[in-house]
Amino acid sequence: LYFSAQEGILIFYHIKDLQYEIKICADISQPISSLIFSPDYTSLLLVTDQGTVYSYRPDRSGEAVKLLDTSSSCFLAADFLTPGNNYCVSVTISGEVQVWSLEDGTFLSKLNLGVEVHVT
């Protein structure tokens, strides 16, 4: 079980039978608004409401790597663009959908929907 604390800490609970172990996986020092696993569960996106997206790979047990920083207060959400784990899509309140490379955080494309977007 992965979850985030309000301070921006990614925590893992390993639960087996009646025993559990707690492990702090990463500290990104920004409140995490959502956690999204890739379709094959090899990578985890950590999304902040400040527009920063980090990648965490549980099998590598390393720090979270900053993939992109939109530095936008209009940033709403991000997710994997499937199939595969190579691309990420993000959306802003103004309706701009952006595609990013997860390999190096390169901005690839955008589409303006022309409507304001809300998350429910």
C-alpha atoms as a PDB file:
ATOM      1  CA  LEU A   1       0.000   0.000   0.000  1.00  0.00           C
ATOM      2  CA  TYR A   2       1.455   3.361  -1.074  1.00  0.00           C
ATOM      3  CA  PHE A   3       0.179   6.653   0.255  1.00  0.00           C
ATOM      4  CA  SER A   4       1.424  10.190   0.730  1.00  0.00           C
ATOM      5  CA  ALA A   5       1.600  12.345   3.796  1.00  0.00           C
ATOM      6  CA  GLN A   6       0.584  15.993   3.568  1.00  0.00           C
ATOM      7  CA  GLU A   7       4.223  17.093   3.778  1.00  0.00           C
ATOM      8  CA  GLY A   8       5.090  15.395   0.461  1.00  0.00           C
ATOM      9  CA  ILE A   9       6.380  12.089   1.796  1.00  0.00           C
ATOM     10  CA  LEU A  10       5.681   8.873  -0.121  1.00  0.00           C
ATOM     11  CA  ILE A  11       5.143   6.010   2.320  1.00  0.00           C
ATOM     12  CA  PHE A  12       4.862   2.268   1.691  1.00  0.00           C
ATOM     13  CA  TYR A  13       3.072  -0.147   4.012  1.00  0.00           C
ATOM     14  CA  HIS A  14       4.094  -3.764   3.463  1.00  0.00           C
ATOM     15  CA  ILE A  15       1.316  -5.864   4.974  1.00  0.00           C
ATOM     16  CA  LYS A  16       1.611  -9.619   5.409  1.00  0.00           C
ATOM     17  CA  ASP A  17      -0.814 -11.550   7.577  1.00  0.00           C
ATOM     18  CA  LEU A  18      -1.065  -9.607  10.843  1.00  0.00           C
ATOM     19  CA  GLN A  19       2.370  -7.978  10.486  1.00  0.00           C
ATOM     20  CA  TYR A  20       3.231  -4.745   8.727  1.00  0.00           C
ATOM     21  CA  GLU A  21       6.332  -2.727   7.953  1.00  0.00           C
ATOM     22  CA  ILE A  22       6.458   0.999   7.183  1.00  0.00           C
ATOM     23  CA  LYS A  23       9.026   2.421   4.756  1.00  0.00           C
ATOM     24  CA  ILE A  24       9.535   6.045   3.716  1.00  0.00           C
ATOM     25  CA  CYS A  25      10.233   5.883  -0.011  1.00  0.00           C
ATOM     26  CA  ALA A  26      10.657   9.526  -1.031  1.00  0.00           C
ATOM     27  CA  ASP A  27      10.355  13.055   0.280  1.00  0.00           C
ATOM     28  CA  ILE A  28       9.552  15.624  -2.397  1.00  0.00           C
ATOM     29  CA  SER A  29       8.769  18.453   0.064  1.00  0.00           C
ATOM     30  CA  GLN A  30       5.550  19.415  -1.752  1.00  0.00           C
ATOM     31  CA  PRO A  31       2.050  18.200  -0.936  1.00  0.00           C
ATOM     32  CA  ILE A  32       1.204  15.280  -3.244  1.00  0.00           C
ATOM     33  CA  SER A  33      -2.254  15.588  -4.792  1.00  0.00           C
ATOM     34  CA  SER A  34      -2.350  12.204  -6.525  1.00  0.00           C
ATOM     35  CA  LEU A  35      -0.492   8.922  -7.015  1.00  0.00           C
ATOM     36  CA  ILE A  36      -0.927   7.061 -10.295  1.00  0.00           C
ATOM     37  CA  PHE A  37       0.541   3.652 -11.138  1.00  0.00           C
ATOM     38  CA  SER A  38       1.585   2.906 -14.702  1.00  0.00           C
ATOM     39  CA  PRO A  39      -0.515   0.267 -16.489  1.00  0.00           C
ATOM     40  CA  ASP A  40       2.142  -2.398 -15.792  1.00  0.00           C
ATOM     41  CA  TYR A  41       2.688  -1.210 -12.175  1.00  0.00           C
ATOM     42  CA  THR A  42       6.428  -0.606 -12.673  1.00  0.00           C
ATOM     43  CA  SER A  43       6.322   3.150 -12.158  1.00  0.00           C
ATOM     44  CA  LEU A  44       4.403   5.534  -9.939  1.00  0.00           C
ATOM     45  CA  LEU A  45       3.657   9.169 -10.801  1.00  0.00           C
ATOM     46  CA  LEU A  46       3.588  11.581  -7.881  1.00  0.00           C
ATOM     47  CA  VAL A  47       1.634  14.689  -8.860  1.00  0.00           C
ATOM     48  CA  THR A  48       1.614  17.909  -6.849  1.00  0.00           C
ATOM     49  CA  ASP A  49      -1.035  20.616  -7.076  1.00  0.00           C
ATOM     50  CA  GLN A  50       1.788  23.045  -7.896  1.00  0.00           C
ATOM     51  CA  GLY A  51       2.344  21.415 -11.285  1.00  0.00           C
ATOM     52  CA  THR A  52       5.311  19.184 -10.546  1.00  0.00           C
ATOM     53  CA  VAL A  53       5.344  15.526 -11.581  1.00  0.00           C
ATOM     54  CA  TYR A  54       7.782  12.984 -10.139  1.00  0.00           C
ATOM     55  CA  SER A  55       8.414   9.368 -11.065  1.00  0.00           C
ATOM     56  CA  TYR A  56       9.118   6.678  -8.491  1.00  0.00           C
ATOM     57  CA  ARG A  57      10.109   3.131  -9.439  1.00  0.00           C
ATOM     58  CA  PRO A  58       9.399   0.719  -6.559  1.00  0.00           C
ATOM     59  CA  ASP A  59      11.791  -1.916  -7.945  1.00  0.00           C
ATOM     60  CA  ARG A  60      14.697   0.550  -7.811  1.00  0.00           C
ATOM     61  CA  SER A  61      13.942   1.814  -4.280  1.00  0.00           C
ATOM     62  CA  GLY A  62      15.533   5.142  -5.055  1.00  0.00           C
ATOM     63  CA  GLU A  63      14.445   8.709  -4.748  1.00  0.00           C
ATOM     64  CA  ALA A  64      11.609  10.167  -6.767  1.00  0.00           C
ATOM     65  CA  VAL A  65      12.876  11.790  -9.963  1.00  0.00           C
ATOM     66  CA  LYS A  66      11.418  15.128 -11.063  1.00  0.00           C
ATOM     67  CA  LEU A  67      10.041  14.645 -14.572  1.00  0.00           C
ATOM     68  CA  LEU A  68       8.405  17.962 -15.253  1.00  0.00           C
ATOM     69  CA  ASP A  69       7.579  21.200 -13.553  1.00  0.00           C
ATOM     70  CA  THR A  70       4.814  23.178 -15.181  1.00  0.00           C
ATOM     71  CA  SER A  71       5.057  25.761 -12.371  1.00  0.00           C
ATOM     72  CA  SER A  72       1.434  26.532 -12.945  1.00  0.00           C
ATOM     73  CA  SER A  73      -1.203  27.185 -10.347  1.00  0.00           C
ATOM     74  CA  CYS A  74      -3.683  26.158 -13.072  1.00  0.00           C
ATOM     75  CA  PHE A  75      -2.363  22.574 -13.119  1.00  0.00           C
ATOM     76  CA  LEU A  76      -5.037  19.984 -12.304  1.00  0.00           C
ATOM     77  CA  ALA A  77      -3.863  16.447 -12.982  1.00  0.00           C
ATOM     78  CA  ALA A  78      -1.540  14.087 -14.832  1.00  0.00           C
ATOM     79  CA  ASP A  79      -1.678  10.460 -15.896  1.00  0.00           C
ATOM     80  CA  PHE A  80       0.144   7.932 -18.038  1.00  0.00           C
ATOM     81  CA  LEU A  81      -0.636   8.009 -21.743  1.00  0.00           C
ATOM     82  CA  THR A  82      -1.186   4.379 -22.643  1.00  0.00           C
ATOM     83  CA  PRO A  83      -0.189   1.977 -24.052  1.00  0.00           C
ATOM     84  CA  GLY A  84       3.207   1.833 -22.413  1.00  0.00           C
ATOM     85  CA  ASN A  85       4.974   3.924 -19.800  1.00  0.00           C
ATOM     86  CA  ASN A  86       6.800   6.401 -22.027  1.00  0.00           C
ATOM     87  CA  TYR A  87       4.457   9.387 -21.993  1.00  0.00           C
ATOM     88  CA  CYS A  88       2.463  11.467 -19.546  1.00  0.00           C
ATOM     89  CA  VAL A  89      -0.523  13.707 -20.187  1.00  0.00           C
ATOM     90  CA  SER A  90      -1.401  16.691 -17.997  1.00  0.00           C
ATOM     91  CA  VAL A  91      -4.312  19.122 -17.989  1.00  0.00           C
ATOM     92  CA  THR A  92      -4.715  22.679 -16.746  1.00  0.00           C
ATOM     93  CA  ILE A  93      -7.818  24.501 -15.499  1.00  0.00           C
ATOM     94  CA  SER A  94      -7.917  26.487 -18.758  1.00  0.00           C
ATOM     95  CA  GLY A  95      -8.331  23.244 -20.731  1.00  0.00           C
ATOM     96  CA  GLU A  96      -4.833  22.833 -22.111  1.00  0.00           C
ATOM     97  CA  VAL A  97      -3.887  19.159 -22.454  1.00  0.00           C
ATOM     98  CA  GLN A  98      -0.115  18.591 -22.635  1.00  0.00           C
ATOM     99  CA  VAL A  99       1.923  15.518 -23.542  1.00  0.00           C
ATOM    100  CA  TRP A 100       5.353  14.957 -21.947  1.00  0.00           C
ATOM    101  CA  SER A 101       8.109  12.383 -22.317  1.00  0.00           C
ATOM    102  CA  LEU A 102       8.592  10.441 -19.080  1.00  0.00           C
ATOM    103  CA  GLU A 103      12.147   9.596 -20.051  1.00  0.00           C
ATOM    104  CA  ASP A 104      13.475  13.144 -19.727  1.00  0.00           C
ATOM    105  CA  GLY A 105      10.478  15.429 -19.078  1.00  0.00           C
ATOM    106  CA  THR A 106      10.516  16.906 -22.586  1.00  0.00           C
ATOM    107  CA  PHE A 107       7.355  18.759 -23.603  1.00  0.00           C
ATOM    108  CA  LEU A 108       6.040  17.119 -26.795  1.00  0.00           C
ATOM    109  CA  SER A 109       2.627  18.467 -27.688  1.00  0.00           C
ATOM    110  CA  LYS A 110      -0.442  20.333 -26.509  1.00  0.00           C
ATOM    111  CA  LEU A 111      -4.098  20.656 -27.362  1.00  0.00           C
ATOM    112  CA  ASN A 112      -6.360  23.446 -26.150  1.00  0.00           C
ATOM    113  CA  LEU A 113      -9.871  22.174 -25.444  1.00  0.00           C
ATOM    114  CA  GLY A 114     -11.281  25.692 -25.327  1.00  0.00           C
ATOM    115  CA  VAL A 115     -13.216  25.049 -22.106  1.00  0.00           C
ATOM    116  CA  GLU A 116     -12.451  25.355 -18.417  1.00  0.00           C
ATOM    117  CA  VAL A 117     -11.737  21.981 -16.798  1.00  0.00           C
ATOM    118  CA  HIS A 118     -12.690  20.826 -13.285  1.00  0.00           C
ATOM    119  CA  VAL A 119     -11.723  17.717 -11.329  1.00  0.00           C
ATOM    120  CA  THR A 120     -14.440  15.934  -9.362  1.00  0.00           C
END
